[in-house]
Full PDB file with SEQRES, HELIX, SHEET, SSBOND, CRYST1, ORIGX, SCALE, CONECT and MASTER records, all heavy atoms in Angstrom:
SEQRES   1 A   37  PHE GLN THR GLU VAL LEU ALA GLU LEU LEU PRO PRO LEU          
SEQRES   2 A   37  GLU ALA ASP GLY THR SER HIS LEU TRP GLU ALA LEU GLY          
SEQRES   3 A   37  ARG ARG PHE CYS ASN LEU SER TYR ALA ALA ALA                  
HELIX    1 AA1 HIS A   20  LEU A   21  1                                   2    
HELIX    2 AA2 TRP A   22  GLY A   26  3                                   5    
HELIX    3 AA3 ARG A   27  PHE A   29  1                                   3    
CRYST1    1.000    1.000    1.000  90.00  90.00  90.00 P 1           1          
ORIGX1      1.000000  0.000000  0.000000        0.00000                         
ORIGX2      0.000000  1.000000  0.000000        0.00000                         
ORIGX3      0.000000  0.000000  1.000000        0.00000                         
SCALE1      1.000000  0.000000  0.000000        0.00000                         
SCALE2      0.000000  1.000000  0.000000        0.00000                         
SCALE3      0.000000  0.000000  1.000000        0.00000                         
ATOM      1  N   PHE A   1      83.976 136.443  98.921  1.00  0.00           N  
ATOM      2  CA  PHE A   1      84.522 135.133  99.393  1.00  0.00           C  
ATOM      3  C   PHE A   1      83.754 134.531 100.536  1.00  0.00           C  
ATOM      4  O   PHE A   1      83.076 135.238 101.268  1.00  0.00           O  
ATOM      5  CB  PHE A   1      85.984 135.283  99.729  1.00  0.00           C  
ATOM      6  CG  PHE A   1      86.829 135.772  98.534  1.00  0.00           C  
ATOM      7  CD1 PHE A   1      87.246 137.128  98.449  1.00  0.00           C  
ATOM      8  CD2 PHE A   1      87.057 134.969  97.524  1.00  0.00           C  
ATOM      9  CE1 PHE A   1      87.968 137.567  97.432  1.00  0.00           C  
ATOM     10  CE2 PHE A   1      87.748 135.366  96.328  1.00  0.00           C  
ATOM     11  CZ  PHE A   1      88.213 136.685  96.294  1.00  0.00           C  
ATOM     12  N   GLN A   2      83.893 133.271 100.803  1.00  0.00           N  
ATOM     13  CA  GLN A   2      83.223 132.572 101.773  1.00  0.00           C  
ATOM     14  C   GLN A   2      83.695 132.848 103.306  1.00  0.00           C  
ATOM     15  O   GLN A   2      84.729 133.456 103.450  1.00  0.00           O  
ATOM     16  CB  GLN A   2      83.186 131.122 101.483  1.00  0.00           C  
ATOM     17  CG  GLN A   2      82.580 130.701 100.145  1.00  0.00           C  
ATOM     18  CD  GLN A   2      81.226 131.222  99.949  1.00  0.00           C  
ATOM     19  OE1 GLN A   2      80.301 130.762 100.723  1.00  0.00           O  
ATOM     20  NE2 GLN A   2      80.973 131.996  98.994  1.00  0.00           N  
ATOM     21  N   THR A   3      82.951 132.182 104.271  1.00  0.00           N  
ATOM     22  CA  THR A   3      83.342 132.439 105.602  1.00  0.00           C  
ATOM     23  C   THR A   3      84.552 131.536 106.020  1.00  0.00           C  
ATOM     24  O   THR A   3      85.009 131.717 107.186  1.00  0.00           O  
ATOM     25  CB  THR A   3      82.161 132.241 106.549  1.00  0.00           C  
ATOM     26  OG1 THR A   3      81.734 130.967 106.356  1.00  0.00           O  
ATOM     27  CG2 THR A   3      81.056 133.247 106.260  1.00  0.00           C  
ATOM     28  N   GLU A   4      84.873 130.557 105.184  1.00  0.00           N  
ATOM     29  CA  GLU A   4      85.936 129.699 105.519  1.00  0.00           C  
ATOM     30  C   GLU A   4      86.944 129.548 104.295  1.00  0.00           C  
ATOM     31  O   GLU A   4      86.529 129.687 103.162  1.00  0.00           O  
ATOM     32  CB  GLU A   4      85.425 128.308 105.866  1.00  0.00           C  
ATOM     33  CG  GLU A   4      86.580 127.304 106.231  1.00  0.00           C  
ATOM     34  CD  GLU A   4      85.874 125.898 106.499  1.00  0.00           C  
ATOM     35  OE1 GLU A   4      85.287 125.308 105.691  1.00  0.00           O  
ATOM     36  OE2 GLU A   4      86.027 125.455 107.703  1.00  0.00           O  
ATOM     37  N   VAL A   5      88.228 129.541 104.548  1.00  0.00           N  
ATOM     38  CA  VAL A   5      89.186 129.289 103.550  1.00  0.00           C  
ATOM     39  C   VAL A   5      89.872 127.937 103.712  1.00  0.00           C  
ATOM     40  O   VAL A   5      90.150 127.542 104.772  1.00  0.00           O  
ATOM     41  CB  VAL A   5      90.269 130.411 103.460  1.00  0.00           C  
ATOM     42  CG1 VAL A   5      91.239 130.265 102.378  1.00  0.00           C  
ATOM     43  CG2 VAL A   5      89.576 131.792 103.467  1.00  0.00           C  
ATOM     44  N   LEU A   6      90.043 127.250 102.546  1.00  0.00           N  
ATOM     45  CA  LEU A   6      90.632 125.908 102.545  1.00  0.00           C  
ATOM     46  C   LEU A   6      91.940 125.974 101.704  1.00  0.00           C  
ATOM     47  O   LEU A   6      92.015 126.587 100.690  1.00  0.00           O  
ATOM     48  CB  LEU A   6      89.650 124.988 101.743  1.00  0.00           C  
ATOM     49  CG  LEU A   6      90.209 123.677 101.284  1.00  0.00           C  
ATOM     50  CD1 LEU A   6      90.373 122.722 102.443  1.00  0.00           C  
ATOM     51  CD2 LEU A   6      89.367 123.091 100.234  1.00  0.00           C  
ATOM     52  N   ALA A   7      92.936 125.185 102.206  1.00  0.00           N  
ATOM     53  CA  ALA A   7      94.106 124.948 101.461  1.00  0.00           C  
ATOM     54  C   ALA A   7      94.348 123.461 101.406  1.00  0.00           C  
ATOM     55  O   ALA A   7      94.398 122.823 102.446  1.00  0.00           O  
ATOM     56  CB  ALA A   7      95.289 125.667 102.054  1.00  0.00           C  
ATOM     57  N   GLU A   8      94.542 122.870 100.234  1.00  0.00           N  
ATOM     58  CA  GLU A   8      94.760 121.440 100.148  1.00  0.00           C  
ATOM     59  C   GLU A   8      96.354 121.277  99.801  1.00  0.00           C  
ATOM     60  O   GLU A   8      96.867 121.779  98.859  1.00  0.00           O  
ATOM     61  CB  GLU A   8      93.955 120.864  98.931  1.00  0.00           C  
ATOM     62  CG  GLU A   8      94.244 119.339  98.712  1.00  0.00           C  
ATOM     63  CD  GLU A   8      93.415 118.814  97.592  1.00  0.00           C  
ATOM     64  OE1 GLU A   8      92.351 119.297  97.313  1.00  0.00           O  
ATOM     65  OE2 GLU A   8      94.075 117.958  96.865  1.00  0.00           O  
ATOM     66  N   LEU A   9      96.900 120.444 100.625  1.00  0.00           N  
ATOM     67  CA  LEU A   9      98.423 120.338 100.544  1.00  0.00           C  
ATOM     68  C   LEU A   9      98.666 118.946  99.996  1.00  0.00           C  
ATOM     69  O   LEU A   9      97.950 118.019 100.165  1.00  0.00           O  
ATOM     70  CB  LEU A   9      99.066 120.358 101.985  1.00  0.00           C  
ATOM     71  CG  LEU A   9      98.873 121.719 102.687  1.00  0.00           C  
ATOM     72  CD1 LEU A   9      99.855 121.775 103.902  1.00  0.00           C  
ATOM     73  CD2 LEU A   9      99.167 122.879 101.815  1.00  0.00           C  
ATOM     74  N   LEU A  10      99.874 118.995  99.201  1.00  0.00           N  
ATOM     75  CA  LEU A  10     100.202 117.715  98.490  1.00  0.00           C  
ATOM     76  C   LEU A  10     100.750 116.772  99.596  1.00  0.00           C  
ATOM     77  O   LEU A  10     101.490 117.076 100.462  1.00  0.00           O  
ATOM     78  CB  LEU A  10     101.285 118.058  97.489  1.00  0.00           C  
ATOM     79  CG  LEU A  10     100.836 118.751  96.148  1.00  0.00           C  
ATOM     80  CD1 LEU A  10     102.142 119.057  95.390  1.00  0.00           C  
ATOM     81  CD2 LEU A  10      99.905 117.801  95.418  1.00  0.00           C  
ATOM     82  N   PRO A  11     100.373 115.461  99.371  1.00  0.00           N  
ATOM     83  CA  PRO A  11     100.938 114.406 100.301  1.00  0.00           C  
ATOM     84  C   PRO A  11     102.313 113.950  99.771  1.00  0.00           C  
ATOM     85  O   PRO A  11     102.745 114.314  98.684  1.00  0.00           O  
ATOM     86  CB  PRO A  11      99.871 113.309 100.162  1.00  0.00           C  
ATOM     87  CG  PRO A  11      99.438 113.449  98.733  1.00  0.00           C  
ATOM     88  CD  PRO A  11      99.418 114.930  98.400  1.00  0.00           C  
ATOM     89  N   PRO A  12     102.908 112.960 100.450  1.00  0.00           N  
ATOM     90  CA  PRO A  12     104.070 112.312  99.881  1.00  0.00           C  
ATOM     91  C   PRO A  12     103.730 111.550  98.606  1.00  0.00           C  
ATOM     92  O   PRO A  12     102.747 110.701  98.625  1.00  0.00           O  
ATOM     93  CB  PRO A  12     104.552 111.459 101.027  1.00  0.00           C  
ATOM     94  CG  PRO A  12     104.000 111.907 102.227  1.00  0.00           C  
ATOM     95  CD  PRO A  12     102.648 112.519 101.886  1.00  0.00           C  
ATOM     96  N   LEU A  13     104.450 111.762  97.511  1.00  0.00           N  
ATOM     97  CA  LEU A  13     104.162 111.048  96.276  1.00  0.00           C  
ATOM     98  C   LEU A  13     105.630 110.330  95.824  1.00  0.00           C  
ATOM     99  O   LEU A  13     106.617 110.890  96.355  1.00  0.00           O  
ATOM    100  CB  LEU A  13     103.709 112.030  95.196  1.00  0.00           C  
ATOM    101  CG  LEU A  13     102.379 112.706  95.329  1.00  0.00           C  
ATOM    102  CD1 LEU A  13     102.200 113.680  94.243  1.00  0.00           C  
ATOM    103  CD2 LEU A  13     101.253 111.668  95.359  1.00  0.00           C  
ATOM    104  N   GLU A  14     105.528 109.353  95.129  1.00  0.00           N  
ATOM    105  CA  GLU A  14     106.753 108.722  94.638  1.00  0.00           C  
ATOM    106  C   GLU A  14     107.368 109.716  93.539  1.00  0.00           C  
ATOM    107  O   GLU A  14     106.741 110.588  93.018  1.00  0.00           O  
ATOM    108  CB  GLU A  14     106.399 107.422  93.986  1.00  0.00           C  
ATOM    109  CG  GLU A  14     105.972 106.385  95.007  1.00  0.00           C  
ATOM    110  CD  GLU A  14     106.976 106.111  96.135  1.00  0.00           C  
ATOM    111  OE1 GLU A  14     108.192 105.845  95.819  1.00  0.00           O  
ATOM    112  OE2 GLU A  14     106.622 106.436  97.332  1.00  0.00           O  
ATOM    113  N   ALA A  15     108.614 109.407  93.231  1.00  0.00           N  
ATOM    114  CA  ALA A  15     109.376 110.331  92.296  1.00  0.00           C  
ATOM    115  C   ALA A  15     108.708 110.443  90.989  1.00  0.00           C  
ATOM    116  O   ALA A  15     108.728 111.439  90.254  1.00  0.00           O  
ATOM    117  CB  ALA A  15     110.833 109.711  92.198  1.00  0.00           C  
ATOM    118  N   ASP A  16     108.037 109.310  90.576  1.00  0.00           N  
ATOM    119  CA  ASP A  16     107.359 109.281  89.197  1.00  0.00           C  
ATOM    120  C   ASP A  16     105.890 109.831  89.364  1.00  0.00           C  
ATOM    121  O   ASP A  16     105.129 109.711  88.336  1.00  0.00           O  
ATOM    122  CB  ASP A  16     107.340 107.875  88.701  1.00  0.00           C  
ATOM    123  CG  ASP A  16     106.587 106.930  89.517  1.00  0.00           C  
ATOM    124  OD1 ASP A  16     106.092 107.362  90.640  1.00  0.00           O  
ATOM    125  OD2 ASP A  16     106.475 105.664  89.141  1.00  0.00           O  
ATOM    126  N   GLY A  17     105.465 110.382  90.562  1.00  0.00           N  
ATOM    127  CA  GLY A  17     104.163 110.990  90.666  1.00  0.00           C  
ATOM    128  C   GLY A  17     103.114 109.940  91.174  1.00  0.00           C  
ATOM    129  O   GLY A  17     101.919 110.340  91.317  1.00  0.00           O  
ATOM    130  N   THR A  18     103.538 108.670  91.428  1.00  0.00           N  
ATOM    131  CA  THR A  18     102.569 107.724  91.900  1.00  0.00           C  
ATOM    132  C   THR A  18     102.007 108.031  93.262  1.00  0.00           C  
ATOM    133  O   THR A  18     102.759 108.344  94.193  1.00  0.00           O  
ATOM    134  CB  THR A  18     103.218 106.319  91.894  1.00  0.00           C  
ATOM    135  OG1 THR A  18     103.641 105.882  90.695  1.00  0.00           O  
ATOM    136  CG2 THR A  18     102.330 105.275  92.551  1.00  0.00           C  
ATOM    137  N   SER A  19     100.633 107.921  93.437  1.00  0.00           N  
ATOM    138  CA  SER A  19     100.007 108.050  94.620  1.00  0.00           C  
ATOM    139  C   SER A  19      99.582 106.720  95.175  1.00  0.00           C  
ATOM    140  O   SER A  19      98.823 105.928  94.604  1.00  0.00           O  
ATOM    141  CB  SER A  19      98.774 108.920  94.531  1.00  0.00           C  
ATOM    142  OG  SER A  19      97.869 108.754  95.630  1.00  0.00           O  
ATOM    143  N   HIS A  20     100.155 106.365  96.333  1.00  0.00           N  
ATOM    144  CA  HIS A  20      99.840 105.043  96.965  1.00  0.00           C  
ATOM    145  C   HIS A  20      98.329 104.822  97.335  1.00  0.00           C  
ATOM    146  O   HIS A  20      97.791 103.823  97.214  1.00  0.00           O  
ATOM    147  CB  HIS A  20     100.773 104.763  98.175  1.00  0.00           C  
ATOM    148  CG  HIS A  20     102.141 104.470  97.704  1.00  0.00           C  
ATOM    149  ND1 HIS A  20     102.575 103.301  97.034  1.00  0.00           N  
ATOM    150  CD2 HIS A  20     103.285 105.044  97.941  1.00  0.00           C  
ATOM    151  CE1 HIS A  20     103.850 103.324  96.817  1.00  0.00           C  
ATOM    152  NE2 HIS A  20     104.383 104.389  97.358  1.00  0.00           N  
ATOM    153  N   LEU A  21      97.682 105.962  97.745  1.00  0.00           N  
ATOM    154  CA  LEU A  21      96.360 105.864  98.136  1.00  0.00           C  
ATOM    155  C   LEU A  21      95.454 105.631  96.820  1.00  0.00           C  
ATOM    156  O   LEU A  21      94.497 104.882  96.801  1.00  0.00           O  
ATOM    157  CB  LEU A  21      95.827 107.114  98.903  1.00  0.00           C  
ATOM    158  CG  LEU A  21      94.394 107.085  99.326  1.00  0.00           C  
ATOM    159  CD1 LEU A  21      94.253 105.959 100.371  1.00  0.00           C  
ATOM    160  CD2 LEU A  21      93.975 108.418  99.844  1.00  0.00           C  
ATOM    161  N   TRP A  22      95.833 106.366  95.776  1.00  0.00           N  
ATOM    162  CA  TRP A  22      95.037 106.101  94.529  1.00  0.00           C  
ATOM    163  C   TRP A  22      95.287 104.657  94.046  1.00  0.00           C  
ATOM    164  O   TRP A  22      94.228 104.021  93.625  1.00  0.00           O  
ATOM    165  CB  TRP A  22      95.522 107.059  93.420  1.00  0.00           C  
ATOM    166  CG  TRP A  22      94.809 106.855  92.157  1.00  0.00           C  
ATOM    167  CD1 TRP A  22      95.268 106.103  91.021  1.00  0.00           C  
ATOM    168  CD2 TRP A  22      93.544 107.246  91.792  1.00  0.00           C  
ATOM    169  NE1 TRP A  22      94.315 106.154  90.054  1.00  0.00           N  
ATOM    170  CE2 TRP A  22      93.244 106.752  90.570  1.00  0.00           C  
ATOM    171  CE3 TRP A  22      92.488 107.937  92.506  1.00  0.00           C  
ATOM    172  CZ2 TRP A  22      92.002 106.935  89.958  1.00  0.00           C  
ATOM    173  CZ3 TRP A  22      91.300 108.161  91.880  1.00  0.00           C  
ATOM    174  CH2 TRP A  22      91.036 107.734  90.616  1.00  0.00           C  
ATOM    175  N   GLU A  23      96.428 104.182  94.074  1.00  0.00           N  
ATOM    176  CA  GLU A  23      96.640 102.796  93.639  1.00  0.00           C  
ATOM    177  C   GLU A  23      95.844 101.758  94.379  1.00  0.00           C  
ATOM    178  O   GLU A  23      95.337 100.786  94.006  1.00  0.00           O  
ATOM    179  CB  GLU A  23      98.114 102.451  93.648  1.00  0.00           C  
ATOM    180  CG  GLU A  23      98.932 103.263  92.696  1.00  0.00           C  
ATOM    181  CD  GLU A  23      98.475 103.163  91.205  1.00  0.00           C  
ATOM    182  OE1 GLU A  23      98.125 102.012  90.761  1.00  0.00           O  
ATOM    183  OE2 GLU A  23      98.411 104.203  90.537  1.00  0.00           O  
ATOM    184  N   ALA A  24      95.690 102.054  95.785  1.00  0.00           N  
ATOM    185  CA  ALA A  24      95.065 101.117  96.682  1.00  0.00           C  
ATOM    186  C   ALA A  24      93.556 101.316  96.708  1.00  0.00           C  
ATOM    187  O   ALA A  24      92.769 100.340  97.030  1.00  0.00           O  
ATOM    188  CB  ALA A  24      95.586 101.332  98.087  1.00  0.00           C  
ATOM    189  N   LEU A  25      93.119 102.490  96.304  1.00  0.00           N  
ATOM    190  CA  LEU A  25      91.638 102.773  96.529  1.00  0.00           C  
ATOM    191  C   LEU A  25      91.019 103.343  95.222  1.00  0.00           C  
ATOM    192  O   LEU A  25      90.172 102.612  94.674  1.00  0.00           O  
ATOM    193  CB  LEU A  25      91.471 103.799  97.687  1.00  0.00           C  
ATOM    194  CG  LEU A  25      90.017 104.261  97.953  1.00  0.00           C  
ATOM    195  CD1 LEU A  25      89.227 103.063  98.391  1.00  0.00           C  
ATOM    196  CD2 LEU A  25      89.960 105.273  99.111  1.00  0.00           C  
ATOM    197  N   GLY A  26      91.445 104.481  94.813  1.00  0.00           N  
ATOM    198  CA  GLY A  26      90.769 105.140  93.628  1.00  0.00           C  
ATOM    199  C   GLY A  26      90.841 104.313  92.393  1.00  0.00           C  
ATOM    200  O   GLY A  26      89.689 104.232  91.719  1.00  0.00           O  
ATOM    201  N   ARG A  27      91.873 103.724  92.109  1.00  0.00           N  
ATOM    202  CA  ARG A  27      92.014 102.948  90.810  1.00  0.00           C  
ATOM    203  C   ARG A  27      91.125 101.786  90.870  1.00  0.00           C  
ATOM    204  O   ARG A  27      90.668 101.280  89.727  1.00  0.00           O  
ATOM    205  CB  ARG A  27      93.412 102.597  90.575  1.00  0.00           C  
ATOM    206  CG  ARG A  27      93.645 101.922  89.210  1.00  0.00           C  
ATOM    207  CD  ARG A  27      95.090 101.331  89.081  1.00  0.00           C  
ATOM    208  NE  ARG A  27      96.040 102.369  88.841  1.00  0.00           N  
ATOM    209  CZ  ARG A  27      96.302 102.824  87.605  1.00  0.00           C  
ATOM    210  NH1 ARG A  27      95.702 102.377  86.473  1.00  0.00           N  
ATOM    211  NH2 ARG A  27      97.284 103.723  87.416  1.00  0.00           N  
ATOM    212  N   ARG A  28      90.648 101.254  92.031  1.00  0.00           N  
ATOM    213  CA  ARG A  28      89.849 100.031  92.014  1.00  0.00           C  
ATOM    214  C   ARG A  28      88.433 100.430  91.708  1.00  0.00           C  
ATOM    215  O   ARG A  28      87.531  99.550  91.447  1.00  0.00           O  
ATOM    216  CB  ARG A  28      89.873  99.446  93.419  1.00  0.00           C  
ATOM    217  CG  ARG A  28      91.318  98.857  93.763  1.00  0.00           C  
ATOM    218  CD  ARG A  28      91.352  98.448  95.168  1.00  0.00           C  
ATOM    219  NE  ARG A  28      92.756  97.998  95.533  1.00  0.00           N  
ATOM    220  CZ  ARG A  28      93.210  96.833  95.454  1.00  0.00           C  
ATOM    221  NH1 ARG A  28      92.441  95.803  94.938  1.00  0.00           N  
ATOM    222  NH2 ARG A  28      94.412  96.476  95.796  1.00  0.00           N  
ATOM    223  N   PHE A  29      88.059 101.650  91.763  1.00  0.00           N  
ATOM    224  CA  PHE A  29      86.712 102.062  91.488  1.00  0.00           C  
ATOM    225  C   PHE A  29      86.563 103.007  90.200  1.00  0.00           C  
ATOM    226  O   PHE A  29      85.503 103.372  89.819  1.00  0.00           O  
ATOM    227  CB  PHE A  29      86.100 102.876  92.654  1.00  0.00           C  
ATOM    228  CG  PHE A  29      85.960 102.110  93.964  1.00  0.00           C  
ATOM    229  CD1 PHE A  29      87.018 102.040  94.824  1.00  0.00           C  
ATOM    230  CD2 PHE A  29      84.814 101.272  94.065  1.00  0.00           C  
ATOM    231  CE1 PHE A  29      86.982 101.287  96.027  1.00  0.00           C  
ATOM    232  CE2 PHE A  29      84.711 100.532  95.209  1.00  0.00           C  
ATOM    233  CZ  PHE A  29      85.749 100.465  96.229  1.00  0.00           C  
ATOM    234  N   CYS A  30      87.774 103.326  89.631  1.00  0.00           N  
ATOM    235  CA  CYS A  30      87.723 104.234  88.480  1.00  0.00           C  
ATOM    236  C   CYS A  30      88.892 103.795  87.721  1.00  0.00           C  
ATOM    237  O   CYS A  30      90.137 103.844  88.049  1.00  0.00           O  
ATOM    238  CB  CYS A  30      88.011 105.622  89.018  1.00  0.00           C  
ATOM    239  SG  CYS A  30      88.187 106.804  87.700  1.00  0.00           S  
ATOM    240  N   ASN A  31      88.644 103.312  86.473  1.00  0.00           N  
ATOM    241  CA  ASN A  31      89.691 102.798  85.587  1.00  0.00           C  
ATOM    242  C   ASN A  31      90.497 103.944  84.860  1.00  0.00           C  
ATOM    243  O   ASN A  31      90.559 104.082  83.670  1.00  0.00           O  
ATOM    244  CB  ASN A  31      89.046 101.852  84.568  1.00  0.00           C  
ATOM    245  CG  ASN A  31      90.118 101.025  83.800  1.00  0.00           C  
ATOM    246  OD1 ASN A  31      91.154 100.850  84.282  1.00  0.00           O  
ATOM    247  ND2 ASN A  31      89.765 100.711  82.526  1.00  0.00           N  
ATOM    248  N   LEU A  32      91.203 104.769  85.744  1.00  0.00           N  
ATOM    249  CA  LEU A  32      92.075 105.819  85.263  1.00  0.00           C  
ATOM    250  C   LEU A  32      93.275 105.853  85.960  1.00  0.00           C  
ATOM    251  O   LEU A  32      93.301 105.462  87.198  1.00  0.00           O  
ATOM    252  CB  LEU A  32      91.338 107.166  85.424  1.00  0.00           C  
ATOM    253  CG  LEU A  32      90.095 107.464  84.474  1.00  0.00           C  
ATOM    254  CD1 LEU A  32      89.340 108.665  84.993  1.00  0.00           C  
ATOM    255  CD2 LEU A  32      90.488 107.547  83.009  1.00  0.00           C  
ATOM    256  N   SER A  33      94.342 106.376  85.417  1.00  0.00           N  
ATOM    257  CA  SER A  33      95.524 106.539  86.132  1.00  0.00           C  
ATOM    258  C   SER A  33      95.384 107.750  87.187  1.00  0.00           C  
ATOM    259  O   SER A  33      94.417 108.614  86.897  1.00  0.00           O  
ATOM    260  CB  SER A  33      96.740 106.961  85.286  1.00  0.00           C  
ATOM    261  OG  SER A  33      96.585 108.171  84.604  1.00  0.00           O  
ATOM    262  N   TYR A  34      96.224 107.912  88.097  1.00  0.00           N  
ATOM    263  CA  TYR A  34      96.094 109.063  89.006  1.00  0.00           C  
ATOM    264  C   TYR A  34      96.203 110.395  88.287  1.00  0.00           C  
ATOM    265  O   TYR A  34      95.418 111.229  88.570  1.00  0.00           O  
ATOM    266  CB  TYR A  34      97.267 108.904  90.122  1.00  0.00           C  
ATOM    267  CG  TYR A  34      97.413 110.113  90.994  1.00  0.00           C  
ATOM    268  CD1 TYR A  34      96.468 110.545  91.838  1.00  0.00           C  
ATOM    269  CD2 TYR A  34      98.527 110.840  90.897  1.00  0.00           C  
ATOM    270  CE1 TYR A  34      96.543 111.634  92.641  1.00  0.00           C  
ATOM    271  CE2 TYR A  34      98.758 111.968  91.762  1.00  0.00           C  
ATOM    272  CZ  TYR A  34      97.749 112.432  92.615  1.00  0.00           C  
ATOM    273  OH  TYR A  34      97.881 113.529  93.360  1.00  0.00           O  
ATOM    274  N   ALA A  35      97.179 110.562  87.397  1.00  0.00           N  
ATOM    275  CA  ALA A  35      97.352 111.779  86.638  1.00  0.00           C  
ATOM    276  C   ALA A  35      96.178 112.090  85.794  1.00  0.00           C  
ATOM    277  O   ALA A  35      95.638 113.189  85.782  1.00  0.00           O  
ATOM    278  CB  ALA A  35      98.601 111.659  85.791  1.00  0.00           C  
ATOM    279  N   ALA A  36      95.538 111.104  85.150  1.00  0.00           N  
ATOM    280  CA  ALA A  36      94.408 111.285  84.277  1.00  0.00           C  
ATOM    281  C   ALA A  36      93.210 111.624  85.188  1.00  0.00           C  
ATOM    282  O   ALA A  36      92.326 112.490  84.784  1.00  0.00           O  
ATOM    283  CB  ALA A  36      94.072 110.015  83.423  1.00  0.00           C  
ATOM    284  N   ALA A  37      92.996 110.947  86.312  1.00  0.00           N  
ATOM    285  CA  ALA A  37      91.836 111.265  87.128  1.00  0.00           C  
ATOM    286  C   ALA A  37      91.925 112.722  87.756  1.00  0.00           C  
ATOM    287  O   ALA A  37      90.948 113.378  87.864  1.00  0.00           O  
ATOM    288  CB  ALA A  37      91.718 110.181  88.236  1.00  0.00           C  
TER     289      ALA A  37                                                      
MASTER        0    0    0    3    0    0    0    6  288    1    0    3          
END                                                                             
């Protein structure tokens, strides 16, 4: 294993799984839903 360990935590999501950051940013550059991406 490496000299550093990373843990990625889930942010607040809507009840249906919607990510507000994805809708405002990612979807504008990638024509996919958050779940699909």
